[in-house]
């Protein structure tokens, strides 16, 4: 069945170029009315202009779609709320949210200014929190919503010089995990997309990447699935160059250790603790404690 978004309203942040632009264009092509949000600043977050968002709106309208431009900074909750209010006034609902806005201020941790760390976390994490909070009650009232956070392999697995970016991107996974649980009863499905694409954000990597194979349009199909009526929830979908993979946060079976020599036993049994043969993907955080208590009960019973 073809994935369509007829009658639905989408908000895409950071949609003035790169991945966000491709997401917005593709959603509009499949029937969604789209709020194209973009601060229009430089890659490090400085400056601002509505021009980029307006250009994407013009593309959508030229193709017969409906869209509106918005230049709010996702770090400004009042401006984000006004953006959502404008969408509600114009179209009466918000069904889809793509938290895509981001900035880079790469440096090694030793050389990074604390303000550059704070700002990147503010844009990626708090920007997503602000936008999600602004639409959450609307989606609960509708008993329907689809939200995608943009995470990154830099957050999932680390990347030199990106401690700020990586910390923010992994934080979005934690946000997704809880919101997916809380939104479940209202059919609000929350997922993460970890893209690999050549955009303004990756232009410095230039020669190290096969740029023709990393077009943003090769990532967007994954996003469209995560926004569809049949979307999963609590999924971390990696996408790039036509490849799609799923990442998980897992927990090994582990062992039970007690006694005065417990630290030494942890060291001695670390291979067993690390054995992935029976690892699981917990349904929620409480599973860790339950598993540990079960081990303790078995140890005391024996």
Protein backbone atom coordinates (compact mmCIF):
# COMPACT_ATOMS: atom_id res chain seq x y z
CA UNK A 1 0.00 0.00 0.00
CA UNK A 2 1.29 3.46 -0.92
CA UNK A 3 2.16 5.63 2.06
CA UNK A 4 0.11 8.83 1.90
CA UNK A 5 -0.48 11.77 4.23
CA UNK A 6 -3.63 13.27 2.74
CA UNK A 7 -5.49 15.47 5.23
CA UNK A 8 -2.55 15.47 7.64
CA UNK A 9 -0.44 18.39 8.83
CA UNK A 10 3.31 18.07 9.31
CA UNK A 11 5.85 20.31 10.99
CA UNK A 12 9.44 19.85 9.82
CA UNK A 13 12.15 21.82 11.62
CA UNK A 14 15.40 22.75 9.93
CA UNK A 15 13.59 22.30 6.62
CA UNK A 16 15.25 25.11 4.65
CA UNK A 17 17.87 22.81 3.15
CA UNK A 18 19.46 19.38 3.21
CA UNK A 19 17.55 16.56 4.84
CA UNK A 20 14.80 18.80 6.20
CA UNK A 21 14.04 20.22 2.78
CA UNK A 22 13.84 16.73 1.28
CA UNK A 23 11.58 15.59 4.13
CA UNK A 24 9.25 18.56 3.62
CA UNK A 25 9.08 18.17 -0.16
CA UNK A 26 8.39 14.44 0.09
CA UNK A 27 5.69 14.86 2.71
CA UNK A 28 3.98 17.51 0.59
CA UNK A 29 4.24 15.33 -2.52
CA UNK A 30 2.38 12.61 -0.63
CA UNK A 31 -0.46 14.88 0.44
CA UNK A 32 0.60 16.52 3.71
CA UNK A 33 0.23 20.19 4.47
CA UNK A 34 3.65 21.25 5.72
CA UNK A 35 4.98 23.86 8.12
CA UNK A 36 8.49 24.52 6.83
CA UNK A 37 10.48 25.73 9.80
CA UNK A 38 14.01 27.07 9.44
CA UNK A 39 15.83 29.74 11.37
CA UNK A 40 17.95 30.38 8.30
CA UNK A 41 21.15 30.69 10.28
CA UNK A 42 24.68 29.52 9.57
CA UNK A 43 25.74 25.95 10.30
CA UNK A 44 26.93 26.98 13.78
CA UNK A 45 23.57 28.55 14.57
CA UNK A 46 24.52 32.19 14.07
CA UNK A 47 22.36 34.61 12.10
CA UNK A 48 18.85 34.01 10.82
CA UNK A 49 16.50 34.63 7.91
CA UNK A 50 13.16 33.24 6.69
CA UNK A 51 14.44 33.10 3.10
CA UNK A 52 15.39 29.42 3.15
CA UNK A 53 12.01 28.32 4.52
CA UNK A 54 10.15 30.54 2.07
CA UNK A 55 12.07 29.03 -0.86
CA UNK A 56 11.00 25.53 0.12
CA UNK A 57 7.40 26.67 0.53
CA UNK A 58 7.57 28.11 -2.99
CA UNK A 59 8.77 24.74 -4.30
CA UNK A 60 5.91 22.94 -2.58
CA UNK A 61 3.32 25.39 -3.84
CA UNK A 62 4.71 25.26 -7.37
CA UNK A 63 4.15 21.50 -7.29
CA UNK A 64 0.53 21.98 -6.18
CA UNK A 65 1.00 21.44 -2.45
CA UNK A 66 0.16 23.48 0.64
CA UNK A 67 2.79 24.87 3.00
CA UNK A 68 3.64 27.75 5.26
CA UNK A 69 7.04 29.14 6.24
CA UNK A 70 8.22 29.74 9.77
CA UNK A 71 11.53 31.11 11.00
CA UNK A 72 11.25 30.39 14.74
CA UNK A 73 14.30 29.20 16.61
CA UNK A 74 13.50 25.82 18.13
CA UNK A 75 15.32 27.00 21.27
CA UNK A 76 12.59 29.60 21.86
CA UNK A 77 9.53 27.86 23.30
CA UNK A 78 7.31 30.94 22.94
CA UNK A 79 8.17 31.19 19.23
CA UNK A 80 7.67 27.45 18.78
CA UNK A 81 4.26 27.64 20.45
CA UNK A 82 3.33 30.51 18.14
CA UNK A 83 4.36 28.35 15.15
CA UNK A 84 2.10 25.53 16.31
CA UNK A 85 -0.72 27.98 17.00
CA UNK A 86 -0.40 29.33 13.46
CA UNK A 87 -0.61 25.81 12.03
CA UNK A 88 -3.71 25.11 14.12
CA UNK A 89 -5.32 28.38 13.06
CA UNK A 90 -4.68 27.62 9.39
CA UNK A 91 -5.33 23.86 9.25
CA UNK A 92 -6.88 22.84 12.55
CA UNK A 93 -4.58 19.95 13.46
CA UNK A 94 -0.99 18.73 13.69
CA UNK A 95 -0.37 15.06 12.96
CA UNK A 96 3.33 14.79 12.23
CA UNK A 97 6.44 16.34 13.77
CA UNK A 98 9.95 15.94 12.41
CA UNK A 99 12.57 17.26 14.83
CA UNK A 100 15.36 17.82 12.33
CA UNK A 101 16.84 21.24 13.21
CA UNK A 102 20.48 21.12 14.22
CA UNK A 103 23.81 22.89 14.43
CA UNK A 104 27.46 21.90 14.65
CA UNK A 105 30.22 23.38 16.77
CA UNK A 106 32.84 20.66 16.51
CA UNK A 107 35.99 20.70 18.65
CA UNK A 108 37.79 18.25 20.83
CA UNK A 109 36.47 18.28 24.38
CA UNK A 110 39.77 19.72 25.62
CA UNK A 111 39.39 22.77 23.37
CA UNK A 112 35.61 23.19 23.50
CA UNK A 113 34.10 26.20 25.22
CA UNK A 114 31.33 25.25 27.63
CA UNK A 115 28.96 27.62 25.83
CA UNK A 116 29.48 25.71 22.56
CA UNK A 117 28.59 22.49 24.38
CA UNK A 118 25.50 24.04 25.95
CA UNK A 119 24.29 25.63 22.71
CA UNK A 120 24.47 22.42 20.68
CA UNK A 121 22.58 20.53 23.39
CA UNK A 122 20.03 23.36 23.54
CA UNK A 123 19.32 23.24 19.81
CA UNK A 124 19.22 19.48 19.33
CA UNK A 125 17.75 18.30 22.62
CA UNK A 126 15.79 21.22 24.00
CA UNK A 127 14.72 22.21 20.49
CA UNK A 128 13.11 18.80 20.09
CA UNK A 129 11.63 19.03 23.60
CA UNK A 130 10.13 22.45 22.84
CA UNK A 131 8.55 21.36 19.57
CA UNK A 132 7.28 18.09 20.98
CA UNK A 133 5.82 19.76 24.06
CA UNK A 134 4.01 22.29 21.85
CA UNK A 135 2.22 19.55 19.86
CA UNK A 136 1.85 16.88 22.58
CA UNK A 137 -1.58 17.88 23.92
CA UNK A 138 -2.89 18.36 20.38
CA UNK A 139 -1.85 14.83 19.48
CA UNK A 140 -3.26 13.43 22.72
CA UNK A 141 -6.57 15.15 21.97
CA UNK A 142 -6.62 13.70 18.46
CA UNK A 143 -5.56 10.26 19.72
CA UNK A 144 -3.04 10.32 16.90
CA UNK A 145 0.48 11.55 16.32
CA UNK A 146 3.76 10.57 14.74
CA UNK A 147 7.02 12.13 15.98
CA UNK A 148 10.53 11.53 14.67
CA UNK A 149 13.68 12.65 16.47
CA UNK A 150 16.86 12.98 14.40
CA UNK A 151 19.60 11.13 16.22
CA UNK A 152 23.05 10.27 14.83
CA UNK A 153 25.70 7.59 14.74
CA UNK A 154 27.85 10.17 16.55
CA UNK A 155 25.50 9.84 19.50
CA UNK A 156 24.97 6.10 19.26
CA UNK A 157 28.63 5.20 18.78
CA UNK A 158 30.74 8.35 19.23
CA UNK A 159 32.77 10.48 16.86
CA UNK A 160 36.01 12.41 17.43
CA UNK A 161 35.45 16.11 18.08
CA UNK A 162 31.69 15.80 18.60
CA UNK A 163 31.17 15.34 22.33
CA UNK A 164 28.51 18.07 22.39
CA UNK A 165 26.69 16.83 19.29
CA UNK A 166 26.96 13.19 20.31
CA UNK A 167 25.65 13.85 23.82
CA UNK A 168 22.65 15.73 22.42
CA UNK A 169 21.91 13.08 19.82
CA UNK A 170 22.01 10.22 22.32
CA UNK A 171 19.78 12.24 24.66
CA UNK A 172 17.14 12.23 21.94
CA UNK A 173 17.10 8.43 22.06
CA UNK A 174 16.34 8.59 25.78
CA UNK A 175 13.59 11.14 25.12
CA UNK A 176 12.09 8.86 22.47
CA UNK A 177 12.12 5.83 24.77
CA UNK A 178 9.95 7.49 27.41
CA UNK A 179 7.67 9.47 25.08
CA UNK A 180 6.88 6.31 23.11
CA UNK A 181 5.76 4.65 26.36
CA UNK A 182 3.74 7.66 27.53
CA UNK A 183 2.17 8.31 24.13
CA UNK A 184 1.17 4.74 23.42
CA UNK A 185 -2.37 4.90 24.78
CA UNK A 186 -3.12 7.86 22.49
CA UNK A 187 -1.54 6.28 19.39
CA UNK A 188 1.36 8.72 19.47
CA UNK A 189 4.29 6.82 18.01
CA UNK A 190 7.77 8.20 18.59
CA UNK A 191 10.88 7.05 16.74
CA UNK A 192 14.43 8.10 15.93
CA UNK A 193 16.09 8.45 12.54
CA UNK A 194 19.89 8.22 12.33
CA UNK A 195 20.75 9.57 8.86
CA UNK A 196 23.91 9.47 6.80
CA UNK A 197 23.71 12.08 4.06
CA UNK A 198 25.80 14.78 2.45
CA UNK A 199 24.39 18.14 3.47
CA UNK A 200 25.75 21.47 4.69
CA UNK A 201 26.34 19.75 8.03
CA UNK A 202 28.83 17.28 6.52
CA UNK A 203 30.46 19.39 3.82
CA UNK A 204 33.80 19.57 5.66
CA UNK A 205 34.14 15.79 5.32
CA UNK A 206 34.14 16.24 1.54
CA UNK A 207 36.70 13.90 0.04
CA UNK A 208 36.16 11.25 2.70
CA UNK A 209 32.61 10.54 1.55
CA UNK A 210 31.20 9.25 -1.77
CA UNK A 211 28.92 12.26 -2.02
CA UNK A 212 26.87 11.07 -4.98
CA UNK A 213 25.82 8.02 -2.95
CA UNK A 214 24.81 10.05 0.11
CA UNK A 215 21.98 12.17 -1.26
CA UNK A 216 19.32 13.23 1.30
CA UNK A 217 16.57 11.68 -0.83
CA UNK A 218 18.03 8.25 -0.04
CA UNK A 219 17.29 8.81 3.68
CA UNK A 220 13.78 10.26 3.48
CA UNK A 221 11.99 6.97 2.61
CA UNK A 222 12.85 5.77 6.11
CA UNK A 223 11.41 8.94 7.61
CA UNK A 224 8.18 8.55 5.65
CA UNK A 225 7.71 5.05 7.03
CA UNK A 226 8.32 6.27 10.60
CA UNK A 227 5.59 8.89 10.07
CA UNK A 228 3.07 6.54 8.45
CA UNK A 229 -0.10 5.16 10.02
CA UNK A 230 1.55 1.74 10.26
CA UNK A 231 4.74 3.11 11.82
CA UNK A 232 6.48 1.25 14.63
CA UNK A 233 7.27 2.99 17.90
CA UNK A 234 10.55 3.18 19.87
CA UNK A 235 12.57 2.37 16.76
CA UNK A 236 16.05 3.70 15.98
CA UNK A 237 16.22 3.51 12.19
CA UNK A 238 19.57 4.17 10.54
CA UNK A 239 19.51 5.23 6.89
CA UNK A 240 21.97 6.34 4.24
CA UNK A 241 23.09 5.62 0.67
CA UNK A 242 20.03 3.40 0.22
CA UNK A 243 20.94 1.26 3.22
CA UNK A 244 18.57 0.83 6.17
CA UNK A 245 19.50 -0.69 9.51
CA UNK A 246 18.01 -0.77 12.99
CA UNK A 247 19.96 0.06 16.14
CA UNK A 248 19.06 -1.19 19.60
CA UNK A 249 19.93 -0.41 23.20
CA UNK A 250 20.48 -3.87 24.65
CA UNK A 251 21.14 -5.55 28.00
CA UNK A 252 23.22 -8.69 28.50
CA UNK A 253 22.11 -11.53 30.75
CA UNK A 254 24.98 -10.78 33.10
CA UNK A 255 25.84 -12.49 36.39
CA UNK A 256 25.11 -12.09 40.10
CA UNK A 257 28.00 -11.08 42.35
CA UNK A 258 28.11 -10.35 46.10
CA UNK A 259 30.53 -10.43 48.98
CA UNK A 260 33.53 -8.46 50.13
CA UNK A 261 35.48 -9.34 47.01
CA UNK A 262 32.67 -8.13 44.68
CA UNK A 263 34.89 -5.56 42.89
CA UNK A 264 37.46 -8.26 42.14
CA UNK A 265 34.69 -10.62 41.01
CA UNK A 266 33.35 -7.98 38.63
CA UNK A 267 36.85 -7.78 37.15
CA UNK A 268 37.25 -11.56 37.02
CA UNK A 269 33.84 -12.16 35.44
CA UNK A 270 33.75 -9.17 33.12
CA UNK A 271 33.83 -11.39 30.04
CA UNK A 272 30.74 -13.23 31.31
CA UNK A 273 29.05 -9.93 32.14
CA UNK A 274 29.78 -8.79 28.58
CA UNK A 275 28.60 -11.99 26.87
CA UNK A 276 25.94 -11.01 24.32
CA UNK A 277 24.59 -14.50 23.68
CA UNK A 278 21.37 -13.90 25.64
CA UNK A 279 21.10 -10.12 25.47
CA UNK A 280 17.66 -8.55 25.33
CA UNK A 281 16.02 -5.25 24.37
CA UNK A 282 14.14 -4.24 27.56
CA UNK A 283 10.57 -3.02 27.22
CA UNK A 284 11.28 -0.26 29.75
CA UNK A 285 13.96 0.86 32.17
CA UNK A 286 12.45 -1.04 35.10
CA UNK A 287 13.40 -4.30 33.38
CA UNK A 288 17.03 -3.85 34.44
CA UNK A 289 16.11 -3.73 38.11
CA UNK A 290 13.74 -6.67 37.80
CA UNK A 291 16.44 -8.79 36.17
CA UNK A 292 18.94 -7.87 38.86
CA UNK A 293 16.49 -8.63 41.67
CA UNK A 294 15.67 -11.99 40.09
CA UNK A 295 19.37 -12.86 40.03
CA UNK A 296 19.67 -11.87 43.70
CA UNK A 297 16.65 -13.98 44.72
CA UNK A 298 18.05 -17.02 42.91
CA UNK A 299 21.44 -16.52 44.56
CA UNK A 300 19.91 -16.29 48.03
CA UNK A 301 17.68 -19.32 47.44
CA UNK A 302 20.59 -21.53 46.43
